[in-house]
Amino acid sequence: MDKTEQLLADLTNAHGVPGFEEEIAEVMVNHLEAADEITYDKLGSIIARKRGSSDTPRVMIAGHLDEIGFMVKEITDQGYIKFLPLGGWWGHVALAQRVIIKTSKGDILGVIGSKPPHVLKEDERKKVLDLNDMYIDVGVTEKTNVKRLGIRPGDPIVPDTKFTRMHDPKVYLNKAFDNRIGVAAAVAVVNKLKNIRHPNTVFGVGTVQEEVGLRGAGTAAYAVNPDVAFVADVSLAADGPGSEKSQKAKLGSGPSITVYDAGMIPNRRLRDLVIETAEKQKIPYHLTALGRGRTDGGMIHISRVGVPCIYMGVATRYIHSHTSIIHRNDFDNLVKLLIAVIKKLDGKTVRSLSKR
């Protein structure tokens, strides 16, 4: 593995559902080699500062630390685990998947139980099973005492998947690319700026609890008080069967520049600057829109008196599941584009983004 692949592997293999981001936060901090200062807000978001030739403008790059997962709700008399979703899940995706319950006594392996097709009734075959009707089996037998395993309500539950190179060695599969890809971008930009002159101060931020309401983005943006902000996150790949042929969001097509998401209309001058920079630097890109779903930009762009903000991403297949797929080139080009734009963000340019 090269340095970038190791970064992506370490971040996606780490566990960290909303409200339980300590493990992934430690991984992020360990990879931040060039930060001048690392601080935390009171929700737990990480703020890594990299000074340039000027203290201002203050440029924020945010990726959220948390991944979708579950939480133990209760334990049945038979020893099965009922659970709550942390983030958006579709029932079909969760069934029969391996999970890890994080307890005070250590990790416990389980599987989300599912009926064999042989015993399904006809009406059951036609509907998506509700998460409330699912359970986790930790290997229950008549002699099992689940309480001795240390499992209790409130314990976090994470998908059990590991970083894997696919047949094409530049195509990666794992859980949690949403949004360790954004965390990795923030880390990579901060580290690469060590040897690059930039007329501003950059803050690489790992936010918490995005999947349950963009919570860490609000507190982190208040703490950083940025003059301009970039949200790095996954975008929806549209290159699989059933996708619209007109969509350009394909693996290997370069970073996504988003013109709309359900929580933010990006600053149009910043959007145009990003597009112009990509074209001048001959960095491949595509434009996309997220009609449903929000990103951390939804909180960041309305922080204090408002922040020019844009959401840029990496096309990802099968987000909000145990297994997502990305292309390495898209990540590399996202980092390259972010750095190219940051190098242009002096005081005059940033003031022009909000000029009326």
Protein backbone atom coordinates (compact mmCIF):
# COMPACT_ATOMS: atom_id res chain seq x y z
CA MET A 1 0.00 0.00 0.00
CA ASP A 2 1.16 3.53 -0.70
CA LYS A 3 0.54 6.33 1.78
CA THR A 4 -2.84 7.34 0.35
CA GLU A 5 -4.17 3.81 0.19
CA GLN A 6 -3.05 3.21 3.77
CA LEU A 7 -4.86 6.37 4.85
CA LEU A 8 -8.08 5.24 3.19
CA ALA A 9 -7.75 1.72 4.60
CA ASP A 10 -7.08 2.90 8.15
CA LEU A 11 -9.96 5.37 8.11
CA THR A 12 -12.56 3.02 6.63
CA ASN A 13 -11.55 0.04 8.77
CA ALA A 14 -11.92 2.09 11.96
CA HIS A 15 -15.25 2.11 13.80
CA GLY A 16 -17.22 5.24 14.59
CA VAL A 17 -21.01 5.53 14.42
CA PRO A 18 -22.69 8.84 15.40
CA GLY A 19 -21.92 9.76 18.99
CA PHE A 20 -19.10 7.17 19.22
CA GLU A 21 -16.40 8.68 17.01
CA GLU A 22 -13.43 8.35 19.40
CA GLU A 23 -11.70 5.50 17.54
CA ILE A 24 -11.90 7.12 14.12
CA ALA A 25 -10.92 10.49 15.60
CA GLU A 26 -7.70 8.93 16.91
CA VAL A 27 -6.94 7.51 13.46
CA MET A 28 -7.45 10.91 11.84
CA VAL A 29 -5.17 12.64 14.36
CA ASN A 30 -2.46 10.02 13.86
CA HIS A 31 -2.41 10.75 10.12
CA LEU A 32 -2.30 14.56 10.49
CA GLU A 33 1.44 15.04 10.09
CA ALA A 34 1.58 18.70 8.99
CA ALA A 35 -0.99 20.35 11.25
CA ASP A 36 0.31 23.26 13.33
CA GLU A 37 -2.37 22.75 15.97
CA ILE A 38 -5.11 20.22 16.65
CA THR A 39 -8.08 21.12 18.83
CA TYR A 40 -11.58 19.78 19.49
CA ASP A 41 -14.96 21.38 19.91
CA LYS A 42 -17.15 20.22 22.79
CA LEU A 43 -19.06 17.68 20.67
CA GLY A 44 -15.80 16.03 19.66
CA SER A 45 -15.17 17.38 16.15
CA ILE A 46 -11.47 17.62 15.25
CA ILE A 47 -10.05 20.95 14.03
CA ALA A 48 -6.54 20.79 12.50
CA ARG A 49 -4.98 24.13 11.60
CA LYS A 50 -2.36 24.61 8.86
CA ARG A 51 -1.01 28.16 8.68
CA GLY A 52 -0.09 29.66 5.34
CA SER A 53 1.43 33.04 4.61
CA SER A 54 -1.51 34.81 6.27
CA ASP A 55 -3.84 34.13 9.20
CA THR A 56 -6.77 35.02 6.96
CA PRO A 57 -8.79 34.09 5.02
CA ARG A 58 -9.78 31.09 7.14
CA VAL A 59 -10.49 28.15 4.83
CA MET A 60 -12.42 25.17 6.21
CA ILE A 61 -12.41 21.67 4.67
CA ALA A 62 -14.93 19.44 6.42
CA GLY A 63 -15.47 15.69 6.24
CA HIS A 64 -17.64 13.89 8.77
CA LEU A 65 -16.10 11.22 10.96
CA ASP A 66 -19.21 9.17 11.64
CA GLU A 67 -20.53 6.24 9.63
CA ILE A 68 -24.02 4.78 9.60
CA GLY A 69 -24.64 2.02 12.12
CA PHE A 70 -26.97 0.97 14.89
CA MET A 71 -27.43 1.10 18.66
CA VAL A 72 -28.61 -1.63 21.04
CA LYS A 73 -32.21 -0.91 22.04
CA GLU A 74 -33.03 -3.95 24.17
CA ILE A 75 -32.24 -7.62 24.72
CA THR A 76 -35.08 -10.10 24.38
CA ASP A 77 -35.75 -12.86 26.89
CA GLN A 78 -34.29 -15.30 24.35
CA GLY A 79 -31.05 -13.30 24.10
CA TYR A 80 -31.58 -11.62 20.73
CA ILE A 81 -30.65 -7.95 20.27
CA LYS A 82 -33.19 -5.38 19.13
CA PHE A 83 -31.62 -2.23 17.73
CA LEU A 84 -32.09 1.35 16.56
CA PRO A 85 -30.67 2.81 13.32
CA LEU A 86 -28.02 5.53 13.51
CA GLY A 87 -28.33 7.11 10.09
CA GLY A 88 -30.42 6.16 7.08
CA TRP A 89 -30.84 2.45 6.40
CA TRP A 90 -32.99 0.55 3.92
CA GLY A 91 -34.25 -2.74 5.28
CA HIS A 92 -33.13 -4.82 2.30
CA VAL A 93 -29.54 -3.64 2.76
CA ALA A 94 -29.32 -4.53 6.45
CA LEU A 95 -30.71 -8.07 6.42
CA ALA A 96 -28.28 -10.96 6.91
CA GLN A 97 -25.27 -8.68 7.35
CA ARG A 98 -22.47 -9.21 9.88
CA VAL A 99 -22.14 -6.55 12.59
CA ILE A 100 -19.95 -5.86 15.61
CA ILE A 101 -21.46 -4.79 18.92
CA LYS A 102 -19.02 -2.56 20.80
CA THR A 103 -19.38 -3.41 24.50
CA SER A 104 -17.51 -2.45 27.66
CA LYS A 105 -16.02 -5.96 27.63
CA GLY A 106 -14.95 -5.90 23.98
CA ASP A 107 -16.32 -6.52 20.50
CA ILE A 108 -19.09 -9.07 20.00
CA LEU A 109 -19.81 -10.47 16.53
CA GLY A 110 -23.42 -10.80 15.43
CA VAL A 111 -25.57 -11.14 12.34
CA ILE A 112 -28.85 -9.41 11.50
CA GLY A 113 -31.26 -12.32 11.38
CA SER A 114 -33.29 -13.18 8.32
CA LYS A 115 -35.76 -15.89 7.42
CA PRO A 116 -34.77 -18.46 4.78
CA PRO A 117 -36.79 -18.00 1.56
CA HIS A 118 -38.28 -21.46 2.08
CA VAL A 119 -40.46 -20.25 4.97
CA LEU A 120 -41.43 -16.81 3.67
CA LYS A 121 -45.11 -16.23 3.06
CA GLU A 122 -46.12 -14.73 -0.27
CA ASP A 123 -46.92 -11.30 1.20
CA GLU A 124 -43.59 -11.26 3.06
CA ARG A 125 -41.73 -11.67 -0.22
CA LYS A 126 -43.25 -8.44 -1.52
CA LYS A 127 -42.36 -6.05 1.29
CA VAL A 128 -39.26 -4.54 2.84
CA LEU A 129 -38.87 -5.69 6.41
CA ASP A 130 -38.91 -2.80 8.87
CA LEU A 131 -35.82 -2.34 11.03
CA ASN A 132 -38.06 -2.49 14.10
CA ASP A 133 -38.87 -6.10 13.18
CA MET A 134 -35.23 -7.14 12.84
CA TYR A 135 -32.88 -8.51 15.46
CA ILE A 136 -29.22 -9.38 15.89
CA ASP A 137 -28.20 -12.95 16.66
CA VAL A 138 -24.91 -13.21 18.59
CA GLY A 139 -24.93 -17.02 18.49
CA VAL A 140 -27.76 -17.56 20.92
CA THR A 141 -28.34 -21.04 22.40
CA GLU A 142 -30.26 -22.23 25.43
CA LYS A 143 -27.10 -21.87 27.53
CA THR A 144 -26.23 -18.37 26.32
CA ASN A 145 -26.25 -15.62 28.92
CA VAL A 146 -26.06 -12.47 26.82
CA LYS A 147 -25.70 -10.26 29.90
CA ARG A 148 -22.36 -11.92 30.65
CA LEU A 149 -21.14 -10.75 27.25
CA GLY A 150 -21.47 -7.18 28.52
CA ILE A 151 -24.10 -6.12 25.96
CA ARG A 152 -26.43 -3.40 27.19
CA PRO A 153 -28.79 -0.79 25.73
CA GLY A 154 -26.91 2.15 24.29
CA ASP A 155 -23.98 0.12 22.96
CA PRO A 156 -23.00 1.08 19.38
CA ILE A 157 -23.16 -1.44 16.53
CA VAL A 158 -21.01 -1.17 13.40
CA PRO A 159 -20.95 -3.01 10.06
CA ASP A 160 -18.28 -5.72 9.86
CA THR A 161 -16.34 -5.17 6.61
CA LYS A 162 -12.67 -4.68 5.73
CA PHE A 163 -10.86 -2.56 3.14
CA THR A 164 -10.33 -4.53 -0.07
CA ARG A 165 -8.75 -3.86 -3.47
CA MET A 166 -10.95 -5.21 -6.23
CA HIS A 167 -9.82 -6.75 -9.54
CA ASP A 168 -8.85 -3.28 -10.73
CA PRO A 169 -6.29 -2.30 -8.05
CA LYS A 170 -7.51 1.30 -8.16
CA VAL A 171 -11.05 0.30 -7.23
CA TYR A 172 -11.58 0.01 -3.47
CA LEU A 173 -14.38 -1.59 -1.47
CA ASN A 174 -15.25 -1.09 2.18
CA LYS A 175 -17.81 0.28 4.60
CA ALA A 176 -17.77 3.93 5.69
CA PHE A 177 -16.46 5.63 2.55
CA ASP A 178 -19.38 7.84 3.55
CA ASN A 179 -17.66 9.81 4.82
CA ARG A 180 -14.13 8.72 5.54
CA ILE A 181 -13.44 9.84 1.98
CA GLY A 182 -14.04 13.42 3.14
CA VAL A 183 -11.95 12.94 6.27
CA ALA A 184 -9.13 11.54 4.11
CA ALA A 185 -9.37 14.53 1.79
CA ALA A 186 -9.08 16.97 4.71
CA VAL A 187 -6.06 15.06 6.05
CA ALA A 188 -4.37 14.82 2.65
CA VAL A 189 -4.82 18.51 1.89
CA VAL A 190 -3.41 19.60 5.25
CA ASN A 191 -0.40 17.29 4.85
CA LYS A 192 0.33 18.26 1.24
CA LEU A 193 0.19 21.97 2.09
CA LYS A 194 3.32 21.49 4.21
CA ASN A 195 5.43 22.16 1.12
CA ILE A 196 3.01 24.40 -0.80
CA ARG A 197 2.68 28.15 -0.38
CA HIS A 198 -0.92 29.27 0.25
CA PRO A 199 -2.19 32.80 1.11
CA ASN A 200 -4.52 31.75 3.94
CA THR A 201 -4.91 29.45 6.92
CA VAL A 202 -6.54 26.08 6.30
CA PHE A 203 -8.57 24.10 8.81
CA GLY A 204 -9.00 20.39 8.14
CA VAL A 205 -12.05 19.37 10.14
CA GLY A 206 -13.50 15.99 11.05
CA THR A 207 -17.08 16.61 12.16
CA VAL A 208 -19.22 14.34 14.34
CA GLN A 209 -22.85 13.19 14.16
CA GLU A 210 -23.49 14.21 10.56
CA GLU A 211 -25.63 11.16 9.88
CA VAL A 212 -28.10 12.11 12.61
CA GLY A 213 -28.56 15.79 11.80
CA LEU A 214 -25.32 17.59 10.81
CA ARG A 215 -24.71 18.35 14.47
CA GLY A 216 -20.92 18.54 14.59
CA ALA A 217 -20.80 20.76 11.51
CA GLY A 218 -22.69 23.47 13.37
CA THR A 219 -20.41 23.56 16.39
CA ALA A 220 -17.21 23.12 14.38
CA ALA A 221 -18.10 25.93 11.99
CA TYR A 222 -18.83 28.21 14.94
CA ALA A 223 -15.41 27.34 16.41
CA VAL A 224 -13.47 27.81 13.16
CA ASN A 225 -15.41 30.88 11.98
CA PRO A 226 -14.39 30.26 8.36
CA ASP A 227 -14.37 32.84 5.56
CA VAL A 228 -14.95 30.09 2.98
CA ALA A 229 -15.68 26.38 3.31
CA PHE A 230 -15.52 23.15 1.34
CA VAL A 231 -17.50 20.07 2.30
CA ALA A 232 -15.85 16.87 1.10
CA ASP A 233 -18.24 13.92 0.97
CA VAL A 234 -19.33 11.04 -1.21
CA SER A 235 -21.63 11.66 -4.16
CA LEU A 236 -23.95 9.17 -5.83
CA ALA A 237 -22.36 7.12 -8.59
CA ALA A 238 -24.78 6.68 -11.49
CA ASP A 239 -22.98 4.11 -13.60
CA GLY A 240 -24.75 0.92 -12.57
CA PRO A 241 -27.65 -0.94 -14.21
CA GLY A 242 -30.83 1.15 -14.08
CA SER A 243 -29.01 4.49 -13.81
CA GLU A 244 -29.84 7.34 -16.14
CA LYS A 245 -27.57 7.28 -19.17
CA SER A 246 -27.32 11.07 -19.10
CA GLN A 247 -25.65 11.00 -15.69
CA LYS A 248 -21.90 11.62 -15.73
CA ALA A 249 -21.24 10.59 -12.13
CA LYS A 250 -19.15 7.53 -12.91
CA LEU A 251 -16.25 5.89 -11.16
CA GLY A 252 -13.09 7.41 -12.63
CA SER A 253 -14.82 10.55 -13.92
CA GLY A 254 -13.11 12.90 -11.47
CA PRO A 255 -14.51 14.71 -8.43
CA SER A 256 -18.14 15.81 -8.22
CA ILE A 257 -18.87 19.52 -8.10
CA THR A 258 -22.36 19.77 -6.65
CA VAL A 259 -24.75 22.48 -7.81
CA TYR A 260 -27.45 21.61 -5.26
CA ASP A 261 -28.16 19.46 -2.25
CA ALA A 262 -31.29 19.39 -0.10
CA GLY A 263 -29.63 21.47 2.63
CA MET A 264 -27.57 23.99 0.67
CA ILE A 265 -27.39 25.86 -2.60
CA PRO A 266 -23.64 26.43 -3.00
CA ASN A 267 -22.13 29.88 -3.38
CA ARG A 268 -22.25 30.36 -7.14
CA ARG A 269 -19.05 32.39 -7.37
CA LEU A 270 -17.16 29.74 -5.44
CA ARG A 271 -18.72 27.08 -7.67
CA ASP A 272 -17.55 28.93 -10.79
CA LEU A 273 -14.06 29.36 -9.34
CA VAL A 274 -13.84 25.62 -8.69
CA ILE A 275 -15.01 24.79 -12.21
CA GLU A 276 -12.64 27.30 -13.83
CA THR A 277 -9.73 25.95 -11.79
CA ALA A 278 -10.51 22.35 -12.73
CA GLU A 279 -10.63 23.24 -16.42
CA LYS A 280 -7.44 25.31 -16.31
CA GLN A 281 -5.57 22.56 -14.45
CA LYS A 282 -7.08 19.90 -16.73
CA ILE A 283 -8.52 18.04 -13.75
CA PRO A 284 -11.49 15.86 -14.77
CA TYR A 285 -14.76 16.64 -12.98
CA HIS A 286 -18.50 16.33 -13.32
CA LEU A 287 -21.45 18.37 -12.09
CA THR A 288 -24.10 16.72 -9.99
CA ALA A 289 -27.08 17.49 -7.75
CA LEU A 290 -28.40 15.73 -4.65
CA GLY A 291 -32.16 16.09 -4.67
CA ARG A 292 -32.60 14.19 -1.40
CA GLY A 293 -30.17 14.17 1.47
CA ARG A 294 -28.06 16.88 3.07
CA THR A 295 -24.38 17.38 3.80
CA ASP A 296 -22.49 19.30 6.47
CA GLY A 297 -22.75 22.32 4.20
CA GLY A 298 -26.34 22.68 5.36
CA MET A 299 -25.07 23.88 8.75
CA ILE A 300 -21.76 25.43 7.74
CA HIS A 301 -23.11 27.86 5.14
CA ILE A 302 -25.51 29.45 7.65
CA SER A 303 -23.00 29.67 10.51
CA ARG A 304 -22.71 33.11 12.13
CA VAL A 305 -23.22 35.70 9.32
CA GLY A 306 -23.00 33.07 6.56
CA VAL A 307 -20.14 31.28 4.81
CA PRO A 308 -19.48 30.85 1.06
CA CYS A 309 -19.57 27.07 0.81
CA ILE A 310 -19.59 24.25 -1.72
CA TYR A 311 -19.90 20.47 -1.51
CA MET A 312 -17.44 18.44 -3.58
CA GLY A 313 -17.37 14.69 -3.66
CA VAL A 314 -16.22 11.34 -4.98
CA ALA A 315 -18.69 9.19 -6.92
CA THR A 316 -19.46 6.18 -4.74
CA ARG A 317 -21.54 3.09 -5.39
CA TYR A 318 -23.84 1.59 -2.74
CA ILE A 319 -23.59 4.26 -0.05
CA HIS A 320 -25.42 3.66 3.25
CA SER A 321 -24.65 -0.04 3.12
CA HIS A 322 -21.99 -2.41 4.44
CA THR A 323 -20.04 -2.23 1.20
CA SER A 324 -19.34 0.83 -0.97
CA ILE A 325 -17.04 1.17 -3.98
CA ILE A 326 -14.86 4.11 -5.09
CA HIS A 327 -12.10 4.76 -7.63
CA ARG A 328 -8.73 5.92 -6.33
CA ASN A 329 -8.21 8.41 -9.19
CA ASP A 330 -11.32 10.33 -8.15
CA PHE A 331 -9.96 10.81 -4.65
CA ASP A 332 -6.55 11.91 -5.93
CA ASN A 333 -8.15 14.43 -8.28
CA LEU A 334 -10.40 15.77 -5.52
CA VAL A 335 -7.34 16.52 -3.38
CA LYS A 336 -5.53 18.03 -6.36
CA LEU A 337 -8.49 20.30 -7.14
CA LEU A 338 -8.95 21.41 -3.53
CA ILE A 339 -5.29 22.41 -3.29
CA ALA A 340 -5.40 24.26 -6.62
CA VAL A 341 -8.40 26.31 -5.46
CA ILE A 342 -6.94 26.96 -1.99
CA LYS A 343 -3.83 28.44 -3.58
CA LYS A 344 -6.08 31.09 -5.15
CA LEU A 345 -7.98 32.02 -2.00
CA ASP A 346 -6.32 35.24 -0.91
CA GLY A 347 -8.24 37.99 0.86
CA LYS A 348 -9.35 39.76 -2.31
CA THR A 349 -10.66 36.59 -3.92
CA VAL A 350 -12.56 35.45 -0.84
CA ARG A 351 -14.13 38.91 -0.36
CA SER A 352 -15.34 38.76 -3.96
CA LEU A 353 -17.32 35.59 -3.23
CA SER A 354 -19.76 37.55 -1.03
CA LYS A 355 -19.72 40.84 -2.93
CA ARG A 356 -23.12 42.21 -3.94
